[in-house]
Amino acid sequence: MNDTAYVVGVILAMGAVTFALRALPFVAARWLQRHAVVGRLGRFLPMAIMVLLLVHASVSMAQSHARGFWAEAVAVLLALGLQWWGRNALVSMAVATVVYVLLRM
């Protein structure tokens, strides 16, 4: 097999796998909607992932600044407070991000 055929074959195989992975949730939608474990994961997993990403980003940024973690703590507490008060994730993230950037200037 020459190099061109090999490269084309690999690209086609990657495209097929990518398409199958993207199409699988749509094909299995009925089964996924009825499954209890999937419903439970749908309620708790997005928040858990957001918390893990937030902790990782906050710790990483706090370690990279000599002034400590106070700006991260203020931004996280502000986001939590706004989310608790207003229940609007977009506003909470946007305001906390702006405040964080202003505190790090």
N, C-alpha and C. Protein backbone atom coordinates (compact mmCIF):
# COMPACT_ATOMS: atom_id res chain seq x y z
N MET A 1 0.86 -1.19 0.00
CA MET A 1 0.00 0.00 0.00
C MET A 1 0.90 1.24 0.00
N ASN A 2 0.65 2.16 -0.89
CA ASN A 2 1.47 3.36 -0.94
C ASN A 2 1.02 4.37 0.10
N ASP A 3 1.82 5.41 0.28
CA ASP A 3 1.54 6.38 1.35
C ASP A 3 0.23 7.13 1.15
N THR A 4 -0.10 7.48 -0.09
CA THR A 4 -1.33 8.24 -0.35
C THR A 4 -2.56 7.41 0.00
N ALA A 5 -2.58 6.17 -0.40
CA ALA A 5 -3.73 5.30 -0.09
C ALA A 5 -3.84 5.09 1.42
N TYR A 6 -2.72 4.94 2.07
CA TYR A 6 -2.72 4.75 3.53
C TYR A 6 -3.29 5.99 4.23
N VAL A 7 -2.84 7.17 3.83
CA VAL A 7 -3.32 8.41 4.45
C VAL A 7 -4.81 8.59 4.19
N VAL A 8 -5.25 8.35 2.97
CA VAL A 8 -6.68 8.47 2.66
C VAL A 8 -7.49 7.45 3.46
N GLY A 9 -7.00 6.24 3.59
CA GLY A 9 -7.68 5.22 4.38
C GLY A 9 -7.80 5.59 5.84
N VAL A 10 -6.73 6.13 6.41
CA VAL A 10 -6.75 6.57 7.81
C VAL A 10 -7.73 7.72 7.99
N ILE A 11 -7.73 8.68 7.08
CA ILE A 11 -8.66 9.82 7.18
C ILE A 11 -10.11 9.34 7.08
N LEU A 12 -10.38 8.42 6.17
CA LEU A 12 -11.74 7.88 6.05
C LEU A 12 -12.15 7.12 7.31
N ALA A 13 -11.23 6.34 7.87
CA ALA A 13 -11.54 5.59 9.09
C ALA A 13 -11.80 6.55 10.26
N MET A 14 -10.99 7.58 10.38
CA MET A 14 -11.21 8.57 11.45
C MET A 14 -12.53 9.30 11.26
N GLY A 15 -12.85 9.61 10.02
CA GLY A 15 -14.13 10.27 9.74
C GLY A 15 -15.31 9.39 10.09
N ALA A 16 -15.22 8.10 9.77
CA ALA A 16 -16.31 7.16 10.09
C ALA A 16 -16.48 7.02 11.59
N VAL A 17 -15.38 6.89 12.32
CA VAL A 17 -15.47 6.77 13.78
C VAL A 17 -16.02 8.05 14.38
N THR A 18 -15.57 9.19 13.91
CA THR A 18 -16.08 10.46 14.42
C THR A 18 -17.56 10.61 14.15
N PHE A 19 -18.00 10.26 12.95
CA PHE A 19 -19.42 10.34 12.62
C PHE A 19 -20.23 9.40 13.50
N ALA A 20 -19.75 8.17 13.69
CA ALA A 20 -20.47 7.20 14.52
C ALA A 20 -20.59 7.68 15.96
N LEU A 21 -19.52 8.25 16.50
CA LEU A 21 -19.57 8.75 17.88
C LEU A 21 -20.53 9.93 18.01
N ARG A 22 -20.60 10.77 17.00
CA ARG A 22 -21.53 11.91 17.04
C ARG A 22 -22.97 11.46 16.86
N ALA A 23 -23.20 10.42 16.07
CA ALA A 23 -24.55 9.96 15.78
C ALA A 23 -25.12 9.05 16.87
N LEU A 24 -24.26 8.42 17.66
CA LEU A 24 -24.71 7.46 18.67
C LEU A 24 -25.73 8.03 19.65
N PRO A 25 -25.55 9.22 20.22
CA PRO A 25 -26.57 9.73 21.14
C PRO A 25 -27.94 9.91 20.50
N PHE A 26 -27.98 10.25 19.21
CA PHE A 26 -29.26 10.42 18.53
C PHE A 26 -29.93 9.07 18.25
N VAL A 27 -29.12 8.08 17.94
CA VAL A 27 -29.66 6.75 17.67
C VAL A 27 -30.18 6.12 18.97
N ALA A 28 -29.47 6.34 20.07
CA ALA A 28 -29.83 5.72 21.35
C ALA A 28 -30.66 6.65 22.24
N ALA A 29 -31.25 7.69 21.70
CA ALA A 29 -31.95 8.70 22.50
C ALA A 29 -33.11 8.11 23.29
N ARG A 30 -33.91 7.28 22.67
CA ARG A 30 -35.07 6.70 23.39
C ARG A 30 -34.62 5.87 24.57
N TRP A 31 -33.63 5.03 24.35
CA TRP A 31 -33.13 4.19 25.44
C TRP A 31 -32.52 5.05 26.54
N LEU A 32 -31.77 6.07 26.17
CA LEU A 32 -31.11 6.92 27.16
C LEU A 32 -32.12 7.70 27.99
N GLN A 33 -33.22 8.14 27.40
CA GLN A 33 -34.22 8.90 28.14
C GLN A 33 -34.93 8.05 29.18
N ARG A 34 -35.09 6.77 28.93
CA ARG A 34 -35.79 5.90 29.87
C ARG A 34 -34.90 5.32 30.95
N HIS A 35 -33.59 5.35 30.78
CA HIS A 35 -32.67 4.70 31.69
C HIS A 35 -32.48 5.54 32.95
N ALA A 36 -32.65 4.94 34.12
CA ALA A 36 -32.58 5.67 35.40
C ALA A 36 -31.19 6.22 35.68
N VAL A 37 -30.16 5.45 35.39
CA VAL A 37 -28.79 5.90 35.67
C VAL A 37 -28.44 7.12 34.81
N VAL A 38 -28.85 7.11 33.58
CA VAL A 38 -28.57 8.24 32.70
C VAL A 38 -29.31 9.49 33.19
N GLY A 39 -30.54 9.32 33.66
CA GLY A 39 -31.28 10.46 34.22
C GLY A 39 -30.60 11.03 35.45
N ARG A 40 -30.11 10.15 36.32
CA ARG A 40 -29.41 10.61 37.52
C ARG A 40 -28.11 11.33 37.16
N LEU A 41 -27.37 10.78 36.20
CA LEU A 41 -26.14 11.43 35.74
C LEU A 41 -26.43 12.78 35.11
N GLY A 42 -27.53 12.87 34.39
CA GLY A 42 -27.91 14.13 33.75
C GLY A 42 -28.21 15.23 34.74
N ARG A 43 -28.63 14.85 35.93
CA ARG A 43 -28.91 15.86 36.96
C ARG A 43 -27.66 16.31 37.69
N PHE A 44 -26.70 15.42 37.92
CA PHE A 44 -25.57 15.75 38.77
C PHE A 44 -24.24 15.92 38.05
N LEU A 45 -24.03 15.25 36.95
CA LEU A 45 -22.74 15.28 36.28
C LEU A 45 -22.34 16.65 35.73
N PRO A 46 -23.24 17.40 35.09
CA PRO A 46 -22.80 18.72 34.60
C PRO A 46 -22.29 19.63 35.72
N MET A 47 -22.95 19.64 36.86
CA MET A 47 -22.49 20.47 37.96
C MET A 47 -21.16 19.97 38.51
N ALA A 48 -21.00 18.66 38.61
CA ALA A 48 -19.75 18.10 39.10
C ALA A 48 -18.58 18.46 38.17
N ILE A 49 -18.82 18.39 36.88
CA ILE A 49 -17.76 18.74 35.93
C ILE A 49 -17.42 20.22 36.03
N MET A 50 -18.43 21.07 36.16
CA MET A 50 -18.17 22.50 36.30
C MET A 50 -17.38 22.81 37.57
N VAL A 51 -17.71 22.13 38.66
CA VAL A 51 -16.99 22.35 39.92
C VAL A 51 -15.54 21.90 39.78
N LEU A 52 -15.32 20.74 39.18
CA LEU A 52 -13.95 20.27 38.98
C LEU A 52 -13.14 21.21 38.11
N LEU A 53 -13.73 21.69 37.03
CA LEU A 53 -13.03 22.64 36.16
C LEU A 53 -12.73 23.94 36.90
N LEU A 54 -13.67 24.41 37.69
CA LEU A 54 -13.49 25.63 38.46
C LEU A 54 -12.37 25.49 39.48
N VAL A 55 -12.35 24.37 40.20
CA VAL A 55 -11.30 24.15 41.20
C VAL A 55 -9.95 24.05 40.53
N HIS A 56 -9.87 23.30 39.44
CA HIS A 56 -8.60 23.15 38.73
C HIS A 56 -8.09 24.50 38.21
N ALA A 57 -8.96 25.26 37.58
CA ALA A 57 -8.55 26.55 37.03
C ALA A 57 -8.16 27.52 38.14
N SER A 58 -8.91 27.53 39.22
CA SER A 58 -8.62 28.46 40.32
C SER A 58 -7.29 28.13 40.98
N VAL A 59 -7.04 26.85 41.23
CA VAL A 59 -5.78 26.46 41.86
C VAL A 59 -4.61 26.76 40.93
N SER A 60 -4.78 26.45 39.65
CA SER A 60 -3.69 26.71 38.69
C SER A 60 -3.38 28.20 38.59
N MET A 61 -4.41 29.02 38.51
CA MET A 61 -4.17 30.47 38.40
C MET A 61 -3.62 31.04 39.71
N ALA A 62 -4.09 30.56 40.83
CA ALA A 62 -3.59 31.07 42.11
C ALA A 62 -2.12 30.73 42.30
N GLN A 63 -1.69 29.59 41.83
CA GLN A 63 -0.28 29.20 41.96
C GLN A 63 0.62 30.01 41.03
N SER A 64 0.06 30.55 39.97
CA SER A 64 0.90 31.28 39.02
C SER A 64 1.07 32.76 39.38
N HIS A 65 0.39 33.24 40.41
CA HIS A 65 0.50 34.63 40.82
C HIS A 65 1.12 34.73 42.20
N ALA A 66 2.00 35.71 42.35
CA ALA A 66 2.67 35.88 43.63
C ALA A 66 1.75 36.47 44.69
N ARG A 67 0.68 37.13 44.27
CA ARG A 67 -0.22 37.78 45.22
C ARG A 67 -1.20 36.83 45.89
N GLY A 68 -1.19 35.57 45.53
CA GLY A 68 -2.04 34.61 46.20
C GLY A 68 -3.34 34.34 45.49
N PHE A 69 -4.28 33.78 46.22
CA PHE A 69 -5.52 33.29 45.63
C PHE A 69 -6.73 34.16 45.93
N TRP A 70 -6.54 35.36 46.44
CA TRP A 70 -7.69 36.17 46.86
C TRP A 70 -8.59 36.56 45.70
N ALA A 71 -8.02 36.85 44.54
CA ALA A 71 -8.85 37.22 43.38
C ALA A 71 -9.72 36.04 42.93
N GLU A 72 -9.14 34.85 42.92
CA GLU A 72 -9.92 33.66 42.56
C GLU A 72 -11.04 33.42 43.56
N ALA A 73 -10.72 33.58 44.85
CA ALA A 73 -11.73 33.36 45.89
C ALA A 73 -12.88 34.36 45.76
N VAL A 74 -12.56 35.62 45.49
CA VAL A 74 -13.61 36.63 45.33
C VAL A 74 -14.48 36.31 44.12
N ALA A 75 -13.86 35.95 43.01
CA ALA A 75 -14.61 35.65 41.79
C ALA A 75 -15.50 34.43 41.97
N VAL A 76 -14.99 33.39 42.61
CA VAL A 76 -15.78 32.18 42.83
C VAL A 76 -16.95 32.47 43.77
N LEU A 77 -16.69 33.17 44.85
CA LEU A 77 -17.77 33.50 45.78
C LEU A 77 -18.81 34.41 45.13
N LEU A 78 -18.36 35.34 44.30
CA LEU A 78 -19.30 36.20 43.58
C LEU A 78 -20.17 35.38 42.62
N ALA A 79 -19.55 34.46 41.88
CA ALA A 79 -20.31 33.61 40.95
C ALA A 79 -21.32 32.74 41.71
N LEU A 80 -20.89 32.18 42.82
CA LEU A 80 -21.81 31.37 43.62
C LEU A 80 -22.97 32.20 44.15
N GLY A 81 -22.66 33.38 44.67
CA GLY A 81 -23.71 34.25 45.19
C GLY A 81 -24.69 34.70 44.13
N LEU A 82 -24.18 35.09 42.97
CA LEU A 82 -25.06 35.51 41.88
C LEU A 82 -25.91 34.36 41.36
N GLN A 83 -25.31 33.17 41.29
CA GLN A 83 -26.07 32.01 40.83
C GLN A 83 -27.17 31.65 41.83
N TRP A 84 -26.86 31.72 43.11
CA TRP A 84 -27.85 31.42 44.13
C TRP A 84 -28.98 32.44 44.12
N TRP A 85 -28.61 33.70 43.92
CA TRP A 85 -29.59 34.78 43.95
C TRP A 85 -30.42 34.85 42.67
N GLY A 86 -29.75 34.82 41.51
CA GLY A 86 -30.45 35.06 40.26
C GLY A 86 -30.76 33.85 39.42
N ARG A 87 -30.09 32.72 39.67
CA ARG A 87 -30.30 31.49 38.90
C ARG A 87 -30.08 31.68 37.40
N ASN A 88 -29.06 32.49 37.05
CA ASN A 88 -28.73 32.70 35.65
C ASN A 88 -27.23 32.45 35.49
N ALA A 89 -26.89 31.27 34.96
CA ALA A 89 -25.49 30.87 34.88
C ALA A 89 -24.67 31.81 34.00
N LEU A 90 -25.24 32.27 32.91
CA LEU A 90 -24.50 33.15 32.01
C LEU A 90 -24.13 34.46 32.69
N VAL A 91 -25.07 35.06 33.39
CA VAL A 91 -24.79 36.32 34.10
C VAL A 91 -23.77 36.08 35.21
N SER A 92 -23.93 35.00 35.96
CA SER A 92 -23.00 34.70 37.05
C SER A 92 -21.57 34.54 36.54
N MET A 93 -21.41 33.78 35.46
CA MET A 93 -20.07 33.58 34.91
C MET A 93 -19.49 34.85 34.32
N ALA A 94 -20.31 35.61 33.62
CA ALA A 94 -19.83 36.84 32.98
C ALA A 94 -19.39 37.86 34.02
N VAL A 95 -20.22 38.10 35.01
CA VAL A 95 -19.88 39.10 36.04
C VAL A 95 -18.65 38.65 36.83
N ALA A 96 -18.60 37.38 37.22
CA ALA A 96 -17.44 36.89 37.97
C ALA A 96 -16.16 36.96 37.14
N THR A 97 -16.26 36.69 35.84
CA THR A 97 -15.08 36.77 34.98
C THR A 97 -14.59 38.21 34.86
N VAL A 98 -15.50 39.15 34.66
CA VAL A 98 -15.11 40.56 34.56
C VAL A 98 -14.46 41.02 35.86
N VAL A 99 -15.06 40.67 36.98
CA VAL A 99 -14.50 41.06 38.28
C VAL A 99 -13.13 40.43 38.47
N TYR A 100 -12.97 39.18 38.10
CA TYR A 100 -11.67 38.51 38.23
C TYR A 100 -10.59 39.19 37.38
N VAL A 101 -10.94 39.52 36.14
CA VAL A 101 -9.97 40.20 35.27
C VAL A 101 -9.60 41.56 35.85
N LEU A 102 -10.58 42.29 36.35
CA LEU A 102 -10.29 43.59 36.95
C LEU A 102 -9.41 43.46 38.20
N LEU A 103 -9.63 42.44 38.99
CA LEU A 103 -8.82 42.24 40.19
C LEU A 103 -7.40 41.83 39.85
N ARG A 104 -7.19 41.15 38.74
CA ARG A 104 -5.84 40.72 38.35
C ARG A 104 -5.06 41.78 37.58
N MET A 105 -5.68 42.89 37.26
CA MET A 105 -4.96 43.94 36.52
C MET A 105 -3.98 44.64 37.41
